[in-house]
């Protein structure tokens, strides 16, 4: 796992799913995963997972919450934000999702 300044690697974290966004909250690293191993290439299957800094343990926080999200940031309100339908060719697709802690 990286520290919040991405200056060194301390613990491995493991995920079978592609990660499209990372954000720190306190001492834990949150990630948005797409196309879960058990349901590949499907929409509405994104996961929000937490990697504990001290152990590297992965915990699923939220599942099936978005389709084709991209990125993850923490806002000043403490919520995490990601896109929904970040990759789409349909006009007017796309939105920002607020994930409340």
PDB file of N, CA and C in Angstrom:
ATOM      1  N   UNK A   1       0.850  -1.162   0.000  1.00  0.00           N
ATOM      2  CA  UNK A   1       0.000   0.000   0.000  1.00  0.00           C
ATOM      3  C   UNK A   1       0.902   1.233   0.000  1.00  0.00           C
ATOM      4  N   UNK A   2       0.482   2.260  -0.637  1.00  0.00           N
ATOM      5  CA  UNK A   2       1.228   3.506  -0.684  1.00  0.00           C
ATOM      6  C   UNK A   2       0.826   4.403   0.477  1.00  0.00           C
ATOM      7  N   UNK A   3       1.738   5.288   0.889  1.00  0.00           N
ATOM      8  CA  UNK A   3       1.323   6.291   1.858  1.00  0.00           C
ATOM      9  C   UNK A   3       0.578   7.392   1.108  1.00  0.00           C
ATOM     10  N   UNK A   4      -0.004   8.339   1.816  1.00  0.00           N
ATOM     11  CA  UNK A   4      -0.845   9.333   1.147  1.00  0.00           C
ATOM     12  C   UNK A   4      -0.075  10.277   0.237  1.00  0.00           C
ATOM     13  N   UNK A   5       1.236  10.284   0.318  1.00  0.00           N
ATOM     14  CA  UNK A   5       2.036  11.101  -0.595  1.00  0.00           C
ATOM     15  C   UNK A   5       2.621  10.254  -1.719  1.00  0.00           C
ATOM     16  N   UNK A   6       2.253   8.957  -1.733  1.00  0.00           N
ATOM     17  CA  UNK A   6       2.733   8.004  -2.732  1.00  0.00           C
ATOM     18  C   UNK A   6       4.256   8.006  -2.812  1.00  0.00           C
ATOM     19  N   UNK A   7       4.918   8.151  -1.667  1.00  0.00           N
ATOM     20  CA  UNK A   7       6.375   8.213  -1.672  1.00  0.00           C
ATOM     21  C   UNK A   7       7.030   6.871  -1.345  1.00  0.00           C
ATOM     22  N   UNK A   8       6.284   5.929  -0.799  1.00  0.00           N
ATOM     23  CA  UNK A   8       6.860   4.604  -0.571  1.00  0.00           C
ATOM     24  C   UNK A   8       5.756   3.564  -0.494  1.00  0.00           C
ATOM     25  N   UNK A   9       6.158   2.335  -0.675  1.00  0.00           N
ATOM     26  CA  UNK A   9       5.259   1.185  -0.692  1.00  0.00           C
ATOM     27  C   UNK A   9       5.459   0.419   0.605  1.00  0.00           C
ATOM     28  N   UNK A  10       4.395   0.202   1.371  1.00  0.00           N
ATOM     29  CA  UNK A  10       4.544  -0.453   2.658  1.00  0.00           C
ATOM     30  C   UNK A  10       3.936  -1.849   2.711  1.00  0.00           C
ATOM     31  N   UNK A  11       2.717  -2.012   2.235  1.00  0.00           N
ATOM     32  CA  UNK A  11       2.046  -3.311   2.304  1.00  0.00           C
ATOM     33  C   UNK A  11       1.364  -3.602   0.965  1.00  0.00           C
ATOM     34  N   UNK A  12       1.311  -4.863   0.594  1.00  0.00           N
ATOM     35  CA  UNK A  12       0.574  -5.182  -0.627  1.00  0.00           C
ATOM     36  C   UNK A  12      -0.924  -5.133  -0.361  1.00  0.00           C
ATOM     37  N   UNK A  13      -1.673  -4.672  -1.323  1.00  0.00           N
ATOM     38  CA  UNK A  13      -3.113  -4.844  -1.250  1.00  0.00           C
ATOM     39  C   UNK A  13      -3.513  -5.603  -2.491  1.00  0.00           C
ATOM     40  N   UNK A  14      -4.493  -6.462  -2.330  1.00  0.00           N
ATOM     41  CA  UNK A  14      -4.848  -7.359  -3.418  1.00  0.00           C
ATOM     42  C   UNK A  14      -6.295  -7.187  -3.810  1.00  0.00           C
ATOM     43  N   UNK A  15      -6.501  -7.152  -5.126  1.00  0.00           N
ATOM     44  CA  UNK A  15      -7.837  -7.105  -5.679  1.00  0.00           C
ATOM     45  C   UNK A  15      -7.790  -7.813  -7.018  1.00  0.00           C
ATOM     46  N   UNK A  16      -8.760  -8.641  -7.278  1.00  0.00           N
ATOM     47  CA  UNK A  16      -8.844  -9.320  -8.573  1.00  0.00           C
ATOM     48  C   UNK A  16      -9.511  -8.420  -9.609  1.00  0.00           C
ATOM     49  N   UNK A  17     -10.044  -7.303  -9.183  1.00  0.00           N
ATOM     50  CA  UNK A  17     -10.830  -6.432 -10.049  1.00  0.00           C
ATOM     51  C   UNK A  17     -10.019  -5.205 -10.470  1.00  0.00           C
ATOM     52  N   UNK A  18     -10.257  -4.687 -11.673  1.00  0.00           N
ATOM     53  CA  UNK A  18      -9.568  -3.464 -12.095  1.00  0.00           C
ATOM     54  C   UNK A  18      -9.956  -2.286 -11.197  1.00  0.00           C
ATOM     55  N   UNK A  19      -8.972  -1.504 -10.797  1.00  0.00           N
ATOM     56  CA  UNK A  19      -9.195  -0.324  -9.957  1.00  0.00           C
ATOM     57  C   UNK A  19      -9.110   0.914 -10.833  1.00  0.00           C
ATOM     58  N   UNK A  20     -10.136   1.766 -10.757  1.00  0.00           N
ATOM     59  CA  UNK A  20     -10.171   2.981 -11.586  1.00  0.00           C
ATOM     60  C   UNK A  20     -10.093   4.267 -10.778  1.00  0.00           C
ATOM     61  N   UNK A  21     -10.050   4.172  -9.466  1.00  0.00           N
ATOM     62  CA  UNK A  21      -9.936   5.373  -8.641  1.00  0.00           C
ATOM     63  C   UNK A  21      -9.470   5.033  -7.241  1.00  0.00           C
ATOM     64  N   UNK A  22      -8.635   5.910  -6.666  1.00  0.00           N
ATOM     65  CA  UNK A  22      -8.126   5.749  -5.310  1.00  0.00           C
ATOM     66  C   UNK A  22      -8.260   7.063  -4.559  1.00  0.00           C
ATOM     67  N   UNK A  23      -8.597   6.984  -3.272  1.00  0.00           N
ATOM     68  CA  UNK A  23      -8.663   8.184  -2.432  1.00  0.00           C
ATOM     69  C   UNK A  23      -8.401   7.785  -0.984  1.00  0.00           C
ATOM     70  N   UNK A  24      -7.622   8.587  -0.295  1.00  0.00           N
ATOM     71  CA  UNK A  24      -7.361   8.374   1.127  1.00  0.00           C
ATOM     72  C   UNK A  24      -8.467   9.007   1.951  1.00  0.00           C
ATOM     73  N   UNK A  25      -8.843   8.323   3.034  1.00  0.00           N
ATOM     74  CA  UNK A  25      -9.718   8.895   4.059  1.00  0.00           C
ATOM     75  C   UNK A  25      -9.130   8.453   5.394  1.00  0.00           C
ATOM     76  N   UNK A  26      -8.688   9.417   6.170  1.00  0.00           N
ATOM     77  CA  UNK A  26      -7.965   9.125   7.413  1.00  0.00           C
ATOM     78  C   UNK A  26      -6.787   8.222   7.090  1.00  0.00           C
ATOM     79  N   UNK A  27      -6.729   7.052   7.679  1.00  0.00           N
ATOM     80  CA  UNK A  27      -5.601   6.155   7.445  1.00  0.00           C
ATOM     81  C   UNK A  27      -5.910   5.037   6.455  1.00  0.00           C
ATOM     82  N   UNK A  28      -7.065   5.059   5.837  1.00  0.00           N
ATOM     83  CA  UNK A  28      -7.451   3.978   4.936  1.00  0.00           C
ATOM     84  C   UNK A  28      -7.506   4.458   3.491  1.00  0.00           C
ATOM     85  N   UNK A  29      -7.184   3.544   2.595  1.00  0.00           N
ATOM     86  CA  UNK A  29      -7.220   3.821   1.170  1.00  0.00           C
ATOM     87  C   UNK A  29      -8.492   3.221   0.597  1.00  0.00           C
ATOM     88  N   UNK A  30      -9.282   4.038  -0.076  1.00  0.00           N
ATOM     89  CA  UNK A  30     -10.510   3.581  -0.723  1.00  0.00           C
ATOM     90  C   UNK A  30     -10.259   3.448  -2.207  1.00  0.00           C
ATOM     91  N   UNK A  31     -10.918   2.463  -2.819  1.00  0.00           N
ATOM     92  CA  UNK A  31     -10.756   2.226  -4.247  1.00  0.00           C
ATOM     93  C   UNK A  31     -12.110   1.943  -4.884  1.00  0.00           C
ATOM     94  N   UNK A  32     -12.250   2.364  -6.129  1.00  0.00           N
ATOM     95  CA  UNK A  32     -13.404   2.001  -6.939  1.00  0.00           C
ATOM     96  C   UNK A  32     -12.936   0.912  -7.892  1.00  0.00           C
ATOM     97  N   UNK A  33     -13.637  -0.216  -7.846  1.00  0.00           N
ATOM     98  CA  UNK A  33     -13.330  -1.341  -8.723  1.00  0.00           C
ATOM     99  C   UNK A  33     -14.441  -1.480  -9.762  1.00  0.00           C
ATOM    100  N   UNK A  34     -14.050  -1.901 -10.956  1.00  0.00           N
ATOM    101  CA  UNK A  34     -15.051  -2.177 -11.981  1.00  0.00           C
ATOM    102  C   UNK A  34     -14.898  -3.616 -12.464  1.00  0.00           C
ATOM    103  N   UNK A  35     -15.914  -4.105 -13.127  1.00  0.00           N
ATOM    104  CA  UNK A  35     -15.913  -5.437 -13.719  1.00  0.00           C
ATOM    105  C   UNK A  35     -15.417  -6.496 -12.742  1.00  0.00           C
ATOM    106  N   UNK A  36     -16.168  -6.725 -11.659  1.00  0.00           N
ATOM    107  CA  UNK A  36     -15.740  -7.703 -10.670  1.00  0.00           C
ATOM    108  C   UNK A  36     -15.459  -9.064 -11.307  1.00  0.00           C
ATOM    109  N   UNK A  37     -14.519  -9.764 -10.733  1.00  0.00           N
ATOM    110  CA  UNK A  37     -14.083 -11.061 -11.244  1.00  0.00           C
ATOM    111  C   UNK A  37     -15.255 -12.019 -11.444  1.00  0.00           C
ATOM    112  N   UNK A  38     -16.233 -11.969 -10.555  1.00  0.00           N
ATOM    113  CA  UNK A  38     -17.364 -12.890 -10.635  1.00  0.00           C
ATOM    114  C   UNK A  38     -18.507 -12.383 -11.518  1.00  0.00           C
ATOM    115  N   UNK A  39     -18.366 -11.186 -12.114  1.00  0.00           N
ATOM    116  CA  UNK A  39     -19.427 -10.624 -12.963  1.00  0.00           C
ATOM    117  C   UNK A  39     -18.791  -9.663 -13.966  1.00  0.00           C
ATOM    118  N   UNK A  40     -17.895 -10.167 -14.782  1.00  0.00           N
ATOM    119  CA  UNK A  40     -17.107  -9.318 -15.662  1.00  0.00           C
ATOM    120  C   UNK A  40     -17.929  -8.703 -16.785  1.00  0.00           C
ATOM    121  N   UNK A  41     -17.512  -7.523 -17.178  1.00  0.00           N
ATOM    122  CA  UNK A  41     -18.066  -6.763 -18.305  1.00  0.00           C
ATOM    123  C   UNK A  41     -19.549  -6.471 -18.152  1.00  0.00           C
ATOM    124  N   UNK A  42     -20.002  -6.315 -16.933  1.00  0.00           N
ATOM    125  CA  UNK A  42     -21.399  -5.974 -16.672  1.00  0.00           C
ATOM    126  C   UNK A  42     -21.492  -4.566 -16.109  1.00  0.00           C
ATOM    127  N   UNK A  43     -22.589  -3.906 -16.390  1.00  0.00           N
ATOM    128  CA  UNK A  43     -22.816  -2.584 -15.810  1.00  0.00           C
ATOM    129  C   UNK A  43     -23.465  -2.743 -14.435  1.00  0.00           C
ATOM    130  N   UNK A  44     -23.517  -1.667 -13.704  1.00  0.00           N
ATOM    131  CA  UNK A  44     -24.081  -1.644 -12.346  1.00  0.00           C
ATOM    132  C   UNK A  44     -23.403  -2.640 -11.411  1.00  0.00           C
ATOM    133  N   UNK A  45     -22.095  -2.828 -11.579  1.00  0.00           N
ATOM    134  CA  UNK A  45     -21.391  -3.804 -10.742  1.00  0.00           C
ATOM    135  C   UNK A  45     -20.158  -3.220 -10.059  1.00  0.00           C
ATOM    136  N   UNK A  46     -20.010  -1.911 -10.060  1.00  0.00           N
ATOM    137  CA  UNK A  46     -18.825  -1.301  -9.437  1.00  0.00           C
ATOM    138  C   UNK A  46     -18.856  -1.501  -7.922  1.00  0.00           C
ATOM    139  N   UNK A  47     -17.674  -1.648  -7.345  1.00  0.00           N
ATOM    140  CA  UNK A  47     -17.526  -1.800  -5.895  1.00  0.00           C
ATOM    141  C   UNK A  47     -16.705  -0.649  -5.333  1.00  0.00           C
ATOM    142  N   UNK A  48     -17.056  -0.232  -4.134  1.00  0.00           N
ATOM    143  CA  UNK A  48     -16.196   0.644  -3.348  1.00  0.00           C
ATOM    144  C   UNK A  48     -15.592  -0.234  -2.275  1.00  0.00           C
ATOM    145  N   UNK A  49     -14.259  -0.280  -2.212  1.00  0.00           N
ATOM    146  CA  UNK A  49     -13.577  -1.115  -1.238  1.00  0.00           C
ATOM    147  C   UNK A  49     -12.631  -0.270  -0.403  1.00  0.00           C
ATOM    148  N   UNK A  50     -12.334  -0.771   0.783  1.00  0.00           N
ATOM    149  CA  UNK A  50     -11.402  -0.100   1.692  1.00  0.00           C
ATOM    150  C   UNK A  50     -10.224  -1.027   1.926  1.00  0.00           C
ATOM    151  N   UNK A  51      -9.029  -0.467   1.853  1.00  0.00           N
ATOM    152  CA  UNK A  51      -7.814  -1.193   2.194  1.00  0.00           C
ATOM    153  C   UNK A  51      -7.276  -0.589   3.483  1.00  0.00           C
ATOM    154  N   UNK A  52      -7.190  -1.407   4.527  1.00  0.00           N
ATOM    155  CA  UNK A  52      -6.698  -0.922   5.812  1.00  0.00           C
ATOM    156  C   UNK A  52      -5.180  -0.727   5.746  1.00  0.00           C
ATOM    157  N   UNK A  53      -4.749   0.439   6.153  1.00  0.00           N
ATOM    158  CA  UNK A  53      -3.335   0.822   6.054  1.00  0.00           C
ATOM    159  C   UNK A  53      -2.417  -0.137   6.800  1.00  0.00           C
ATOM    160  N   UNK A  54      -2.802  -0.549   7.985  1.00  0.00           N
ATOM    161  CA  UNK A  54      -1.902  -1.350   8.817  1.00  0.00           C
ATOM    162  C   UNK A  54      -1.781  -2.800   8.367  1.00  0.00           C
ATOM    163  N   UNK A  55      -2.802  -3.326   7.697  1.00  0.00           N
ATOM    164  CA  UNK A  55      -2.779  -4.742   7.338  1.00  0.00           C
ATOM    165  C   UNK A  55      -2.866  -4.994   5.834  1.00  0.00           C
ATOM    166  N   UNK A  56      -3.364  -4.029   5.073  1.00  0.00           N
ATOM    167  CA  UNK A  56      -3.597  -4.239   3.644  1.00  0.00           C
ATOM    168  C   UNK A  56      -4.884  -4.997   3.364  1.00  0.00           C
ATOM    169  N   UNK A  57      -5.661  -5.314   4.420  1.00  0.00           N
ATOM    170  CA  UNK A  57      -6.892  -6.078   4.261  1.00  0.00           C
ATOM    171  C   UNK A  57      -7.907  -5.306   3.417  1.00  0.00           C
ATOM    172  N   UNK A  58      -8.547  -6.004   2.497  1.00  0.00           N
ATOM    173  CA  UNK A  58      -9.566  -5.427   1.613  1.00  0.00           C
ATOM    174  C   UNK A  58     -10.948  -5.749   2.168  1.00  0.00           C
ATOM    175  N   UNK A  59     -11.802  -4.705   2.274  1.00  0.00           N
ATOM    176  CA  UNK A  59     -13.180  -4.866   2.711  1.00  0.00           C
ATOM    177  C   UNK A  59     -14.096  -4.159   1.732  1.00  0.00           C
ATOM    178  N   UNK A  60     -15.134  -4.858   1.291  1.00  0.00           N
ATOM    179  CA  UNK A  60     -16.095  -4.244   0.388  1.00  0.00           C
ATOM    180  C   UNK A  60     -17.026  -3.347   1.208  1.00  0.00           C
ATOM    181  N   UNK A  61     -17.114  -2.074   0.830  1.00  0.00           N
ATOM    182  CA  UNK A  61     -17.940  -1.106   1.536  1.00  0.00           C
ATOM    183  C   UNK A  61     -19.299  -0.970   0.858  1.00  0.00           C
ATOM    184  N   UNK A  62     -19.280  -0.993  -0.465  1.00  0.00           N
ATOM    185  CA  UNK A  62     -20.487  -0.772  -1.259  1.00  0.00           C
ATOM    186  C   UNK A  62     -20.354  -1.575  -2.538  1.00  0.00           C
ATOM    187  N   UNK A  63     -21.415  -2.225  -2.981  1.00  0.00           N
ATOM    188  CA  UNK A  63     -21.326  -2.998  -4.216  1.00  0.00           C
ATOM    189  C   UNK A  63     -22.473  -2.650  -5.144  1.00  0.00           C
ATOM    190  N   UNK A  64     -22.217  -2.777  -6.443  1.00  0.00           N
ATOM    191  CA  UNK A  64     -23.249  -2.538  -7.449  1.00  0.00           C
ATOM    192  C   UNK A  64     -23.767  -1.120  -7.478  1.00  0.00           C
ATOM    193  N   UNK A  65     -22.936  -0.150  -7.147  1.00  0.00           N
ATOM    194  CA  UNK A  65     -23.432   1.215  -7.006  1.00  0.00           C
ATOM    195  C   UNK A  65     -23.268   2.088  -8.244  1.00  0.00           C
ATOM    196  N   UNK A  66     -22.529   1.645  -9.246  1.00  0.00           N
ATOM    197  CA  UNK A  66     -22.283   2.501 -10.408  1.00  0.00           C
ATOM    198  C   UNK A  66     -22.001   1.663 -11.643  1.00  0.00           C
ATOM    199  N   UNK A  67     -22.128   2.314 -12.799  1.00  0.00           N
ATOM    200  CA  UNK A  67     -21.792   1.707 -14.081  1.00  0.00           C
ATOM    201  C   UNK A  67     -20.665   2.503 -14.711  1.00  0.00           C
ATOM    202  N   UNK A  68     -19.566   1.830 -14.986  1.00  0.00           N
ATOM    203  CA  UNK A  68     -18.417   2.450 -15.646  1.00  0.00           C
ATOM    204  C   UNK A  68     -17.942   3.723 -14.952  1.00  0.00           C
ATOM    205  N   UNK A  69     -17.714   3.675 -13.635  1.00  0.00           N
ATOM    206  CA  UNK A  69     -17.196   4.850 -12.934  1.00  0.00           C
ATOM    207  C   UNK A  69     -15.747   5.096 -13.320  1.00  0.00           C
ATOM    208  N   UNK A  70     -15.280   6.284 -12.993  1.00  0.00           N
ATOM    209  CA  UNK A  70     -13.897   6.629 -13.292  1.00  0.00           C
ATOM    210  C   UNK A  70     -13.436   7.654 -12.280  1.00  0.00           C
ATOM    211  N   UNK A  71     -12.425   7.317 -11.496  1.00  0.00           N
ATOM    212  CA  UNK A  71     -11.875   8.237 -10.518  1.00  0.00           C
ATOM    213  C   UNK A  71     -12.569   8.156  -9.179  1.00  0.00           C
ATOM    214  N   UNK A  72     -11.922   8.714  -8.177  1.00  0.00           N
ATOM    215  CA  UNK A  72     -12.473   8.793  -6.829  1.00  0.00           C
ATOM    216  C   UNK A  72     -11.759   9.913  -6.105  1.00  0.00           C
ATOM    217  N   UNK A  73     -12.513  10.806  -5.496  1.00  0.00           N
ATOM    218  CA  UNK A  73     -11.941  11.889  -4.696  1.00  0.00           C
ATOM    219  C   UNK A  73     -12.738  12.013  -3.408  1.00  0.00           C
ATOM    220  N   UNK A  74     -12.097  12.581  -2.385  1.00  0.00           N
ATOM    221  CA  UNK A  74     -12.798  12.906  -1.150  1.00  0.00           C
ATOM    222  C   UNK A  74     -13.072  14.391  -1.148  1.00  0.00           C
ATOM    223  N   UNK A  75     -14.318  14.757  -0.918  1.00  0.00           N
ATOM    224  CA  UNK A  75     -14.702  16.164  -0.875  1.00  0.00           C
ATOM    225  C   UNK A  75     -14.486  16.760   0.498  1.00  0.00           C
ATOM    226  N   UNK A  76     -14.610  18.082   0.607  1.00  0.00           N
ATOM    227  CA  UNK A  76     -14.426  18.748   1.897  1.00  0.00           C
ATOM    228  C   UNK A  76     -15.476  18.340   2.932  1.00  0.00           C
ATOM    229  N   UNK A  77     -16.580  17.748   2.471  1.00  0.00           N
ATOM    230  CA  UNK A  77     -17.630  17.280   3.372  1.00  0.00           C
ATOM    231  C   UNK A  77     -17.367  15.872   3.902  1.00  0.00           C
ATOM    232  N   UNK A  78     -16.246  15.242   3.487  1.00  0.00           N
ATOM    233  CA  UNK A  78     -15.915  13.900   3.938  1.00  0.00           C
ATOM    234  C   UNK A  78     -16.504  12.798   3.087  1.00  0.00           C
ATOM    235  N   UNK A  79     -17.377  13.145   2.160  1.00  0.00           N
ATOM    236  CA  UNK A  79     -17.949  12.153   1.250  1.00  0.00           C
ATOM    237  C   UNK A  79     -16.964  11.858   0.131  1.00  0.00           C
ATOM    238  N   UNK A  80     -17.105  10.682  -0.470  1.00  0.00           N
ATOM    239  CA  UNK A  80     -16.326  10.352  -1.652  1.00  0.00           C
ATOM    240  C   UNK A  80     -17.178  10.597  -2.883  1.00  0.00           C
ATOM    241  N   UNK A  81     -16.529  10.994  -3.973  1.00  0.00           N
ATOM    242  CA  UNK A  81     -17.218  11.297  -5.224  1.00  0.00           C
ATOM    243  C   UNK A  81     -16.578  10.533  -6.367  1.00  0.00           C
ATOM    244  N   UNK A  82     -17.416  10.001  -7.247  1.00  0.00           N
ATOM    245  CA  UNK A  82     -16.942   9.323  -8.458  1.00  0.00           C
ATOM    246  C   UNK A  82     -17.923   9.599  -9.586  1.00  0.00           C
ATOM    247  N   UNK A  83     -17.484   9.335 -10.790  1.00  0.00           N
ATOM    248  CA  UNK A  83     -18.384   9.487 -11.927  1.00  0.00           C
ATOM    249  C   UNK A  83     -19.212   8.220 -12.097  1.00  0.00           C
ATOM    250  N   UNK A  84     -20.324   8.351 -12.769  1.00  0.00           N
ATOM    251  CA  UNK A  84     -21.155   7.224 -13.179  1.00  0.00           C
ATOM    252  C   UNK A  84     -21.348   7.363 -14.674  1.00  0.00           C
ATOM    253  N   UNK A  85     -21.198   6.277 -15.388  1.00  0.00           N
ATOM    254  CA  UNK A  85     -21.217   6.292 -16.858  1.00  0.00           C
ATOM    255  C   UNK A  85     -20.132   7.237 -17.371  1.00  0.00           C
ATOM    256  N   UNK A  86     -18.947   7.129 -16.779  1.00  0.00           N
ATOM    257  CA  UNK A  86     -17.814   7.955 -17.190  1.00  0.00           C
ATOM    258  C   UNK A  86     -17.311   7.613 -18.577  1.00  0.00           C
ATOM    259  N   UNK A  87     -17.642   6.412 -19.053  1.00  0.00           N
ATOM    260  CA  UNK A  87     -17.270   5.994 -20.401  1.00  0.00           C
ATOM    261  C   UNK A  87     -18.565   5.645 -21.123  1.00  0.00           C
ATOM    262  N   UNK A  88     -19.020   6.529 -21.966  1.00  0.00           N
ATOM    263  CA  UNK A  88     -20.267   6.291 -22.681  1.00  0.00           C
ATOM    264  C   UNK A  88     -20.267   7.116 -23.955  1.00  0.00           C
ATOM    265  N   UNK A  89     -20.939   6.612 -24.944  1.00  0.00           N
ATOM    266  CA  UNK A  89     -21.046   7.335 -26.203  1.00  0.00           C
ATOM    267  C   UNK A  89     -22.429   7.935 -26.400  1.00  0.00           C
ATOM    268  N   UNK A  90     -23.319   7.726 -25.452  1.00  0.00           N
ATOM    269  CA  UNK A  90     -24.673   8.266 -25.556  1.00  0.00           C
ATOM    270  C   UNK A  90     -24.685   9.731 -25.114  1.00  0.00           C
ATOM    271  N   UNK A  91     -25.398  10.581 -25.838  1.00  0.00           N
ATOM    272  CA  UNK A  91     -25.477  11.987 -25.438  1.00  0.00           C
ATOM    273  C   UNK A  91     -26.108  12.126 -24.050  1.00  0.00           C
ATOM    274  N   UNK A  92     -25.588  13.035 -23.295  1.00  0.00           N
ATOM    275  CA  UNK A  92     -26.100  13.394 -21.974  1.00  0.00           C
ATOM    276  C   UNK A  92     -25.940  12.298 -20.930  1.00  0.00           C
ATOM    277  N   UNK A  93     -25.155  11.270 -21.236  1.00  0.00           N
ATOM    278  CA  UNK A  93     -24.824  10.292 -20.198  1.00  0.00           C
ATOM    279  C   UNK A  93     -23.779  10.896 -19.285  1.00  0.00           C
ATOM    280  N   UNK A  94     -23.648  10.336 -18.140  1.00  0.00           N
ATOM    281  CA  UNK A  94     -22.638  10.779 -17.195  1.00  0.00           C
ATOM    282  C   UNK A  94     -23.245  11.546 -16.043  1.00  0.00           C
ATOM    283  N   UNK A  95     -22.753  11.263 -14.862  1.00  0.00           N
ATOM    284  CA  UNK A  95     -23.183  11.972 -13.665  1.00  0.00           C
ATOM    285  C   UNK A  95     -22.133  11.786 -12.590  1.00  0.00           C
ATOM    286  N   UNK A  96     -22.216  12.587 -11.562  1.00  0.00           N
ATOM    287  CA  UNK A  96     -21.321  12.480 -10.414  1.00  0.00           C
ATOM    288  C   UNK A  96     -22.113  11.865  -9.259  1.00  0.00           C
ATOM    289  N   UNK A  97     -21.542  10.858  -8.643  1.00  0.00           N
ATOM    290  CA  UNK A  97     -22.179  10.209  -7.499  1.00  0.00           C
ATOM    291  C   UNK A  97     -21.502  10.651  -6.210  1.00  0.00           C
ATOM    292  N   UNK A  98     -22.292  10.945  -5.205  1.00  0.00           N
ATOM    293  CA  UNK A  98     -21.795  11.293  -3.880  1.00  0.00           C
ATOM    294  C   UNK A  98     -21.984  10.081  -2.981  1.00  0.00           C
ATOM    295  N   UNK A  99     -20.900   9.604  -2.405  1.00  0.00           N
ATOM    296  CA  UNK A  99     -20.929   8.436  -1.533  1.00  0.00           C
ATOM    297  C   UNK A  99     -20.695   8.943  -0.114  1.00  0.00           C
ATOM    298  N   UNK A 100     -21.732   8.886   0.695  1.00  0.00           N
ATOM    299  CA  UNK A 100     -21.691   9.436   2.043  1.00  0.00           C
ATOM    300  C   UNK A 100     -21.013   8.437   2.971  1.00  0.00           C
ATOM    301  N   UNK A 101     -20.099   8.953   3.821  1.00  0.00           N
ATOM    302  CA  UNK A 101     -19.395   8.040   4.744  1.00  0.00           C
ATOM    303  C   UNK A 101     -20.335   7.354   5.715  1.00  0.00           C
TER     304      UNK A 101
END
